[in-house]
Amino acid sequence: MTRCGPALLRCAALLSVPALCAPAWSAPPAGAELRDATVAIGYDAKGRCPDLMQVDAQDTSAALVLLVVGPSGVPSQASIKSSSGSESLDAAAIKCVMKLRFLPAVQAGEGAAMASWQEIAWKWGRGHVAPGAPAAATASVPTAATSAPAAAAATATAALAAGSTVTAPAAAPHSAPGSAEVRVCADESGTLIQDPAITRSSGDPGLDAAALRIARAGAPYYRPAGSASVTGCAQLAIRFETK
């Protein structure tokens, strides 16, 4: 009877186990079709990457990540296929991909999982707050004692960058002078993502209510200076003055 040595038995065992790792490809084969990556059930992207949101791969402003998805759904060789133009977003997108698991490709006719090149695109989500928010700006609103919210809203299109300060007339002629601070949070399009809230009261409920109306009237014009689109929150200081 022929006896198998330990080394031979180990080789036989390894040959009988399907490969679980993706091959070390350097790049997709020429003409290869890239699959849209699908996050596997149980790997909530929102929970693992709260600052990001998945978007269509055709979105040219997104960070498009190229990766290999192995037979077990494990990602590897993640790299930026198309940059978002933001180094921080590109880096966050790659980091997010490596935290997730994806649905592997399946061999036609066999049903066996196989490694494949896939792609997935990311942009900043609503929970992202960009570091280094623009400095506060100051704007004056034309005096119209009986229409403070409407007058402030007219100037908000230009003045309400992140952290702007707006000077508005009093809500009514008999109102006492005062100021209130309102917290506003907006997405990259300038649209409010939650209702504005008073963070420092003027001491007058009527003026506080007017300040909230002014803050709401500024949407969708809450955009930072420059061309970059970001999601975040800012303090809006609103001063009321009687004439």
C-alpha atoms as a PDB file:
ATOM      1  CA  MET A   1       0.000   0.000   0.000  1.00  0.00           C
ATOM      2  CA  THR A   2       1.312   3.439  -0.944  1.00  0.00           C
ATOM      3  CA  ARG A   3       1.441   5.908   1.878  1.00  0.00           C
ATOM      4  CA  CYS A   4       1.067   9.637   1.200  1.00  0.00           C
ATOM      5  CA  GLY A   5       3.424  11.936   2.980  1.00  0.00           C
ATOM      6  CA  PRO A   6       2.162  14.975   4.928  1.00  0.00           C
ATOM      7  CA  ALA A   7       3.285  17.371   2.198  1.00  0.00           C
ATOM      8  CA  LEU A   8       1.321  15.438  -0.466  1.00  0.00           C
ATOM      9  CA  LEU A   9      -1.794  15.427   1.688  1.00  0.00           C
ATOM     10  CA  ARG A  10      -1.525  19.151   2.249  1.00  0.00           C
ATOM     11  CA  CYS A  11      -1.210  19.786  -1.500  1.00  0.00           C
ATOM     12  CA  ALA A  12      -4.259  17.634  -2.208  1.00  0.00           C
ATOM     13  CA  ALA A  13      -6.253  19.538   0.405  1.00  0.00           C
ATOM     14  CA  LEU A  14      -5.279  22.914  -1.018  1.00  0.00           C
ATOM     15  CA  LEU A  15      -6.206  21.850  -4.537  1.00  0.00           C
ATOM     16  CA  SER A  16      -9.656  20.799  -3.361  1.00  0.00           C
ATOM     17  CA  VAL A  17     -10.480  24.188  -1.791  1.00  0.00           C
ATOM     18  CA  PRO A  18     -11.680  26.935  -4.190  1.00  0.00           C
ATOM     19  CA  ALA A  19      -9.634  30.136  -4.182  1.00  0.00           C
ATOM     20  CA  LEU A  20     -11.084  32.803  -1.894  1.00  0.00           C
ATOM     21  CA  CYS A  21      -8.760  35.623  -2.874  1.00  0.00           C
ATOM     22  CA  ALA A  22      -8.902  37.812  -5.932  1.00  0.00           C
ATOM     23  CA  PRO A  23      -6.010  37.382  -8.373  1.00  0.00           C
ATOM     24  CA  ALA A  24      -3.399  40.116  -8.297  1.00  0.00           C
ATOM     25  CA  TRP A  25      -4.478  41.789 -11.525  1.00  0.00           C
ATOM     26  CA  SER A  26      -2.762  45.053 -12.261  1.00  0.00           C
ATOM     27  CA  ALA A  27      -5.617  46.442 -14.383  1.00  0.00           C
ATOM     28  CA  PRO A  28      -8.822  45.276 -16.067  1.00  0.00           C
ATOM     29  CA  PRO A  29      -8.206  43.312 -19.303  1.00  0.00           C
ATOM     30  CA  ALA A  30      -8.569  45.353 -22.469  1.00  0.00           C
ATOM     31  CA  GLY A  31     -12.211  45.597 -23.457  1.00  0.00           C
ATOM     32  CA  ALA A  32     -13.401  44.044 -20.189  1.00  0.00           C
ATOM     33  CA  GLU A  33     -16.861  45.104 -19.043  1.00  0.00           C
ATOM     34  CA  LEU A  34     -16.823  46.723 -15.609  1.00  0.00           C
ATOM     35  CA  ARG A  35     -19.659  45.774 -13.307  1.00  0.00           C
ATOM     36  CA  ASP A  36     -21.458  48.250 -11.089  1.00  0.00           C
ATOM     37  CA  ALA A  37     -20.540  47.234  -7.560  1.00  0.00           C
ATOM     38  CA  THR A  38     -23.446  46.261  -5.300  1.00  0.00           C
ATOM     39  CA  VAL A  39     -22.932  46.442  -1.541  1.00  0.00           C
ATOM     40  CA  ALA A  40     -23.718  43.112   0.108  1.00  0.00           C
ATOM     41  CA  ILE A  41     -26.601  42.763   2.554  1.00  0.00           C
ATOM     42  CA  GLY A  42     -25.441  43.336   6.103  1.00  0.00           C
ATOM     43  CA  TYR A  43     -22.870  45.966   5.113  1.00  0.00           C
ATOM     44  CA  ASP A  44     -24.752  49.225   5.445  1.00  0.00           C
ATOM     45  CA  ALA A  45     -22.759  51.900   3.651  1.00  0.00           C
ATOM     46  CA  LYS A  46     -24.517  54.664   5.597  1.00  0.00           C
ATOM     47  CA  GLY A  47     -23.433  53.133   8.881  1.00  0.00           C
ATOM     48  CA  ARG A  48     -19.837  52.446   7.847  1.00  0.00           C
ATOM     49  CA  CYS A  49     -19.352  55.565   5.715  1.00  0.00           C
ATOM     50  CA  PRO A  50     -21.684  58.212   7.208  1.00  0.00           C
ATOM     51  CA  ASP A  51     -19.973  61.077   5.375  1.00  0.00           C
ATOM     52  CA  LEU A  52     -20.575  59.572   1.931  1.00  0.00           C
ATOM     53  CA  MET A  53     -23.431  58.605  -0.331  1.00  0.00           C
ATOM     54  CA  GLN A  54     -23.345  56.294  -3.331  1.00  0.00           C
ATOM     55  CA  VAL A  55     -24.229  57.928  -6.635  1.00  0.00           C
ATOM     56  CA  ASP A  56     -24.430  56.940 -10.284  1.00  0.00           C
ATOM     57  CA  ALA A  57     -21.105  55.978 -11.829  1.00  0.00           C
ATOM     58  CA  GLN A  58     -21.783  58.464 -14.663  1.00  0.00           C
ATOM     59  CA  ASP A  59     -21.688  61.418 -12.255  1.00  0.00           C
ATOM     60  CA  THR A  60     -18.533  63.263 -13.316  1.00  0.00           C
ATOM     61  CA  SER A  61     -18.318  65.189 -10.036  1.00  0.00           C
ATOM     62  CA  ALA A  62     -18.130  61.984  -7.973  1.00  0.00           C
ATOM     63  CA  ALA A  63     -15.125  59.946  -6.887  1.00  0.00           C
ATOM     64  CA  LEU A  64     -15.293  56.831  -9.062  1.00  0.00           C
ATOM     65  CA  VAL A  65     -13.498  53.901  -7.429  1.00  0.00           C
ATOM     66  CA  LEU A  66     -12.209  50.896  -9.378  1.00  0.00           C
ATOM     67  CA  LEU A  67     -11.815  47.691  -7.390  1.00  0.00           C
ATOM     68  CA  VAL A  68     -11.532  43.917  -7.591  1.00  0.00           C
ATOM     69  CA  VAL A  69     -14.324  42.005  -5.849  1.00  0.00           C
ATOM     70  CA  GLY A  70     -13.224  38.508  -4.921  1.00  0.00           C
ATOM     71  CA  PRO A  71     -15.422  35.383  -4.870  1.00  0.00           C
ATOM     72  CA  SER A  72     -16.197  36.000  -1.202  1.00  0.00           C
ATOM     73  CA  GLY A  73     -17.145  39.660  -1.822  1.00  0.00           C
ATOM     74  CA  VAL A  74     -13.965  41.045  -0.280  1.00  0.00           C
ATOM     75  CA  PRO A  75     -12.659  44.155  -2.107  1.00  0.00           C
ATOM     76  CA  SER A  76      -9.025  44.671  -3.065  1.00  0.00           C
ATOM     77  CA  GLN A  77      -6.862  46.843  -5.306  1.00  0.00           C
ATOM     78  CA  ALA A  78      -9.150  49.849  -4.843  1.00  0.00           C
ATOM     79  CA  SER A  79      -8.024  52.922  -6.750  1.00  0.00           C
ATOM     80  CA  ILE A  80      -9.497  56.121  -8.158  1.00  0.00           C
ATOM     81  CA  LYS A  81     -10.616  55.609 -11.735  1.00  0.00           C
ATOM     82  CA  SER A  82     -12.041  59.110 -12.072  1.00  0.00           C
ATOM     83  CA  SER A  83     -11.224  61.822  -9.540  1.00  0.00           C
ATOM     84  CA  SER A  84     -13.858  64.045  -7.979  1.00  0.00           C
ATOM     85  CA  GLY A  85     -11.377  66.911  -7.961  1.00  0.00           C
ATOM     86  CA  SER A  86     -11.191  66.708  -4.163  1.00  0.00           C
ATOM     87  CA  GLU A  87      -8.310  64.763  -2.645  1.00  0.00           C
ATOM     88  CA  SER A  88     -10.180  64.335   0.626  1.00  0.00           C
ATOM     89  CA  LEU A  89     -13.265  62.916  -1.115  1.00  0.00           C
ATOM     90  CA  ASP A  90     -11.167  60.565  -3.253  1.00  0.00           C
ATOM     91  CA  ALA A  91      -9.337  59.276  -0.163  1.00  0.00           C
ATOM     92  CA  ALA A  92     -12.593  58.877   1.787  1.00  0.00           C
ATOM     93  CA  ALA A  93     -14.155  56.936  -1.111  1.00  0.00           C
ATOM     94  CA  ILE A  94     -11.288  54.414  -1.219  1.00  0.00           C
ATOM     95  CA  LYS A  95     -11.332  54.056   2.563  1.00  0.00           C
ATOM     96  CA  CYS A  96     -15.085  53.424   2.493  1.00  0.00           C
ATOM     97  CA  VAL A  97     -14.821  50.744  -0.207  1.00  0.00           C
ATOM     98  CA  MET A  98     -12.343  48.761   1.868  1.00  0.00           C
ATOM     99  CA  LYS A  99     -14.785  48.698   4.798  1.00  0.00           C
ATOM    100  CA  LEU A 100     -17.537  47.054   2.748  1.00  0.00           C
ATOM    101  CA  ARG A 101     -18.338  43.713   1.122  1.00  0.00           C
ATOM    102  CA  PHE A 102     -19.868  43.367  -2.325  1.00  0.00           C
ATOM    103  CA  LEU A 103     -21.820  40.892  -4.401  1.00  0.00           C
ATOM    104  CA  PRO A 104     -19.327  38.849  -6.439  1.00  0.00           C
ATOM    105  CA  ALA A 105     -19.740  38.049 -10.112  1.00  0.00           C
ATOM    106  CA  VAL A 106     -21.057  34.599 -11.024  1.00  0.00           C
ATOM    107  CA  GLN A 107     -19.754  32.364 -13.791  1.00  0.00           C
ATOM    108  CA  ALA A 108     -22.348  31.886 -16.512  1.00  0.00           C
ATOM    109  CA  GLY A 109     -23.867  28.422 -16.523  1.00  0.00           C
ATOM    110  CA  GLU A 110     -22.031  27.303 -13.401  1.00  0.00           C
ATOM    111  CA  GLY A 111     -23.291  29.612 -10.670  1.00  0.00           C
ATOM    112  CA  ALA A 112     -19.863  29.711  -9.032  1.00  0.00           C
ATOM    113  CA  ALA A 113     -18.622  33.040  -7.672  1.00  0.00           C
ATOM    114  CA  MET A 114     -15.566  34.505  -9.314  1.00  0.00           C
ATOM    115  CA  ALA A 115     -13.351  37.561  -8.999  1.00  0.00           C
ATOM    116  CA  SER A 116     -14.215  40.550 -11.171  1.00  0.00           C
ATOM    117  CA  TRP A 117     -13.419  44.217 -11.718  1.00  0.00           C
ATOM    118  CA  GLN A 118     -16.163  46.511 -10.491  1.00  0.00           C
ATOM    119  CA  GLU A 119     -16.675  50.227  -9.976  1.00  0.00           C
ATOM    120  CA  ILE A 120     -18.623  52.389  -7.549  1.00  0.00           C
ATOM    121  CA  ALA A 121     -19.042  56.179  -7.221  1.00  0.00           C
ATOM    122  CA  TRP A 122     -19.281  58.302  -4.087  1.00  0.00           C
ATOM    123  CA  LYS A 123     -19.996  61.916  -3.153  1.00  0.00           C
ATOM    124  CA  TRP A 124     -20.155  63.697   0.172  1.00  0.00           C
ATOM    125  CA  GLY A 125     -23.401  62.928   1.975  1.00  0.00           C
ATOM    126  CA  ARG A 126     -25.574  65.217   4.024  1.00  0.00           C
ATOM    127  CA  GLY A 127     -23.782  64.255   7.231  1.00  0.00           C
ATOM    128  CA  HIS A 128     -20.477  65.638   6.002  1.00  0.00           C
ATOM    129  CA  VAL A 129     -19.191  68.888   7.465  1.00  0.00           C
ATOM    130  CA  ALA A 130     -16.291  70.340   5.527  1.00  0.00           C
ATOM    131  CA  PRO A 131     -13.290  71.477   7.583  1.00  0.00           C
ATOM    132  CA  GLY A 132     -12.321  75.135   7.443  1.00  0.00           C
ATOM    133  CA  ALA A 133     -15.722  76.697   6.787  1.00  0.00           C
ATOM    134  CA  PRO A 134     -15.552  80.067   5.021  1.00  0.00           C
ATOM    135  CA  ALA A 135     -15.189  83.120   7.260  1.00  0.00           C
ATOM    136  CA  ALA A 136     -18.296  85.066   8.220  1.00  0.00           C
ATOM    137  CA  ALA A 137     -19.529  87.665   5.777  1.00  0.00           C
ATOM    138  CA  THR A 138     -21.607  90.732   6.562  1.00  0.00           C
ATOM    139  CA  ALA A 139     -24.457  92.134   4.519  1.00  0.00           C
ATOM    140  CA  SER A 140     -26.986  94.904   5.012  1.00  0.00           C
ATOM    141  CA  VAL A 141     -30.646  94.521   4.182  1.00  0.00           C
ATOM    142  CA  PRO A 142     -32.671  97.449   2.845  1.00  0.00           C
ATOM    143  CA  THR A 143     -34.819  98.957   5.596  1.00  0.00           C
ATOM    144  CA  ALA A 144     -38.488  98.204   5.347  1.00  0.00           C
ATOM    145  CA  ALA A 145     -39.809  98.172   8.884  1.00  0.00           C
ATOM    146  CA  THR A 146     -42.850  96.074   8.244  1.00  0.00           C
ATOM    147  CA  SER A 147     -41.296  93.398   5.999  1.00  0.00           C
ATOM    148  CA  ALA A 148     -38.058  92.230   7.620  1.00  0.00           C
ATOM    149  CA  PRO A 149     -38.244  88.577   6.459  1.00  0.00           C
ATOM    150  CA  ALA A 150     -38.973  89.553   2.862  1.00  0.00           C
ATOM    151  CA  ALA A 151     -36.203  92.166   2.768  1.00  0.00           C
ATOM    152  CA  ALA A 152     -33.626  89.809   4.274  1.00  0.00           C
ATOM    153  CA  ALA A 153     -34.609  87.041   1.887  1.00  0.00           C
ATOM    154  CA  ALA A 154     -33.866  89.338  -1.056  1.00  0.00           C
ATOM    155  CA  THR A 155     -30.289  89.793   0.145  1.00  0.00           C
ATOM    156  CA  ALA A 156     -29.835  86.172   1.217  1.00  0.00           C
ATOM    157  CA  THR A 157     -29.127  85.081  -2.356  1.00  0.00           C
ATOM    158  CA  ALA A 158     -25.760  86.853  -2.190  1.00  0.00           C
ATOM    159  CA  ALA A 159     -24.995  87.144   1.516  1.00  0.00           C
ATOM    160  CA  LEU A 160     -25.809  83.775   3.040  1.00  0.00           C
ATOM    161  CA  ALA A 161     -22.571  81.917   2.490  1.00  0.00           C
ATOM    162  CA  ALA A 162     -21.689  79.561   5.342  1.00  0.00           C
ATOM    163  CA  GLY A 163     -21.625  81.663   8.501  1.00  0.00           C
ATOM    164  CA  SER A 164     -22.943  84.937   7.089  1.00  0.00           C
ATOM    165  CA  THR A 165     -24.183  87.823   9.246  1.00  0.00           C
ATOM    166  CA  VAL A 166     -27.293  89.660   8.129  1.00  0.00           C
ATOM    167  CA  THR A 167     -28.547  92.990   9.482  1.00  0.00           C
ATOM    168  CA  ALA A 168     -32.299  93.236   9.158  1.00  0.00           C
ATOM    169  CA  PRO A 169     -34.915  95.836  10.121  1.00  0.00           C
ATOM    170  CA  ALA A 170     -37.260  95.053  12.989  1.00  0.00           C
ATOM    171  CA  ALA A 171     -40.234  92.806  12.333  1.00  0.00           C
ATOM    172  CA  ALA A 172     -42.601  95.605  13.263  1.00  0.00           C
ATOM    173  CA  PRO A 173     -42.194  99.329  14.058  1.00  0.00           C
ATOM    174  CA  HIS A 174     -42.872  98.811  17.778  1.00  0.00           C
ATOM    175  CA  SER A 175     -40.350  95.975  18.205  1.00  0.00           C
ATOM    176  CA  ALA A 176     -37.301  96.590  20.413  1.00  0.00           C
ATOM    177  CA  PRO A 177     -33.808  96.338  18.871  1.00  0.00           C
ATOM    178  CA  GLY A 178     -32.146  92.955  19.334  1.00  0.00           C
ATOM    179  CA  SER A 179     -30.279  90.154  17.634  1.00  0.00           C
ATOM    180  CA  ALA A 180     -30.630  86.399  17.375  1.00  0.00           C
ATOM    181  CA  GLU A 181     -28.348  83.632  16.168  1.00  0.00           C
ATOM    182  CA  VAL A 182     -29.749  80.820  14.054  1.00  0.00           C
ATOM    183  CA  ARG A 183     -28.093  77.530  13.100  1.00  0.00           C
ATOM    184  CA  VAL A 184     -28.677  76.559   9.476  1.00  0.00           C
ATOM    185  CA  CYS A 185     -27.618  73.284   7.825  1.00  0.00           C
ATOM    186  CA  ALA A 186     -27.662  72.876   4.035  1.00  0.00           C
ATOM    187  CA  ASP A 187     -26.544  70.343   1.467  1.00  0.00           C
ATOM    188  CA  GLU A 188     -24.271  70.908  -1.520  1.00  0.00           C
ATOM    189  CA  SER A 189     -27.142  72.419  -3.537  1.00  0.00           C
ATOM    190  CA  GLY A 190     -27.812  75.062  -0.873  1.00  0.00           C
ATOM    191  CA  THR A 191     -31.087  73.454   0.246  1.00  0.00           C
ATOM    192  CA  LEU A 192     -31.830  73.199   3.955  1.00  0.00           C
ATOM    193  CA  ILE A 193     -31.469  69.675   5.317  1.00  0.00           C
ATOM    194  CA  GLN A 194     -33.185  70.482   8.617  1.00  0.00           C
ATOM    195  CA  ASP A 195     -35.283  73.268  10.072  1.00  0.00           C
ATOM    196  CA  PRO A 196     -33.254  76.266  11.295  1.00  0.00           C
ATOM    197  CA  ALA A 197     -32.951  76.528  15.094  1.00  0.00           C
ATOM    198  CA  ILE A 198     -32.376  79.458  17.451  1.00  0.00           C
ATOM    199  CA  THR A 199     -29.008  79.074  19.206  1.00  0.00           C
ATOM    200  CA  ARG A 200     -29.056  82.489  20.921  1.00  0.00           C
ATOM    201  CA  SER A 201     -32.355  84.202  21.572  1.00  0.00           C
ATOM    202  CA  SER A 202     -32.921  87.915  21.068  1.00  0.00           C
ATOM    203  CA  GLY A 203     -35.066  87.885  24.205  1.00  0.00           C
ATOM    204  CA  ASP A 204     -38.154  88.656  22.164  1.00  0.00           C
ATOM    205  CA  PRO A 205     -40.241  85.703  20.902  1.00  0.00           C
ATOM    206  CA  GLY A 206     -41.490  87.800  18.010  1.00  0.00           C
ATOM    207  CA  LEU A 207     -37.962  88.661  16.842  1.00  0.00           C
ATOM    208  CA  ASP A 208     -36.843  85.047  17.244  1.00  0.00           C
ATOM    209  CA  ALA A 209     -39.739  83.913  15.058  1.00  0.00           C
ATOM    210  CA  ALA A 210     -38.823  86.552  12.455  1.00  0.00           C
ATOM    211  CA  ALA A 211     -35.189  85.382  12.536  1.00  0.00           C
ATOM    212  CA  LEU A 212     -36.295  81.819  11.803  1.00  0.00           C
ATOM    213  CA  ARG A 213     -38.424  83.023   8.881  1.00  0.00           C
ATOM    214  CA  ILE A 214     -35.426  84.905   7.472  1.00  0.00           C
ATOM    215  CA  ALA A 215     -33.230  81.812   7.804  1.00  0.00           C
ATOM    216  CA  ARG A 216     -35.793  79.631   6.015  1.00  0.00           C
ATOM    217  CA  ALA A 217     -36.186  82.232   3.253  1.00  0.00           C
ATOM    218  CA  GLY A 218     -32.475  81.935   2.437  1.00  0.00           C
ATOM    219  CA  ALA A 219     -32.822  78.421   0.975  1.00  0.00           C
ATOM    220  CA  PRO A 220     -31.655  77.284  -1.563  1.00  0.00           C
ATOM    221  CA  TYR A 221     -28.928  79.937  -1.542  1.00  0.00           C
ATOM    222  CA  TYR A 222     -26.769  78.710   1.341  1.00  0.00           C
ATOM    223  CA  ARG A 223     -23.636  78.042  -0.640  1.00  0.00           C
ATOM    224  CA  PRO A 224     -19.992  78.655   0.300  1.00  0.00           C
ATOM    225  CA  ALA A 225     -17.805  81.043  -1.611  1.00  0.00           C
ATOM    226  CA  GLY A 226     -15.966  79.521  -4.563  1.00  0.00           C
ATOM    227  CA  SER A 227     -16.885  76.647  -6.831  1.00  0.00           C
ATOM    228  CA  ALA A 228     -16.657  73.783  -4.311  1.00  0.00           C
ATOM    229  CA  SER A 229     -19.960  72.280  -3.217  1.00  0.00           C
ATOM    230  CA  VAL A 230     -20.076  71.142   0.402  1.00  0.00           C
ATOM    231  CA  THR A 231     -22.613  70.058   2.967  1.00  0.00           C
ATOM    232  CA  GLY A 232     -22.512  71.541   6.446  1.00  0.00           C
ATOM    233  CA  CYS A 233     -23.900  73.892   9.080  1.00  0.00           C
ATOM    234  CA  ALA A 234     -23.276  77.541   9.906  1.00  0.00           C
ATOM    235  CA  GLN A 235     -24.310  80.204  12.395  1.00  0.00           C
ATOM    236  CA  LEU A 236     -26.450  83.003  10.989  1.00  0.00           C
ATOM    237  CA  ALA A 237     -26.445  86.173  13.148  1.00  0.00           C
ATOM    238  CA  ILE A 238     -29.458  88.369  12.470  1.00  0.00           C
ATOM    239  CA  ARG A 239     -29.662  91.865  13.963  1.00  0.00           C
ATOM    240  CA  PHE A 240     -32.917  93.816  14.081  1.00  0.00           C
ATOM    241  CA  GLU A 241     -32.854  97.626  14.162  1.00  0.00           C
ATOM    242  CA  THR A 242     -35.694 100.076  14.489  1.00  0.00           C
ATOM    243  CA  LYS A 243     -35.646 103.410  12.737  1.00  0.00           C
END
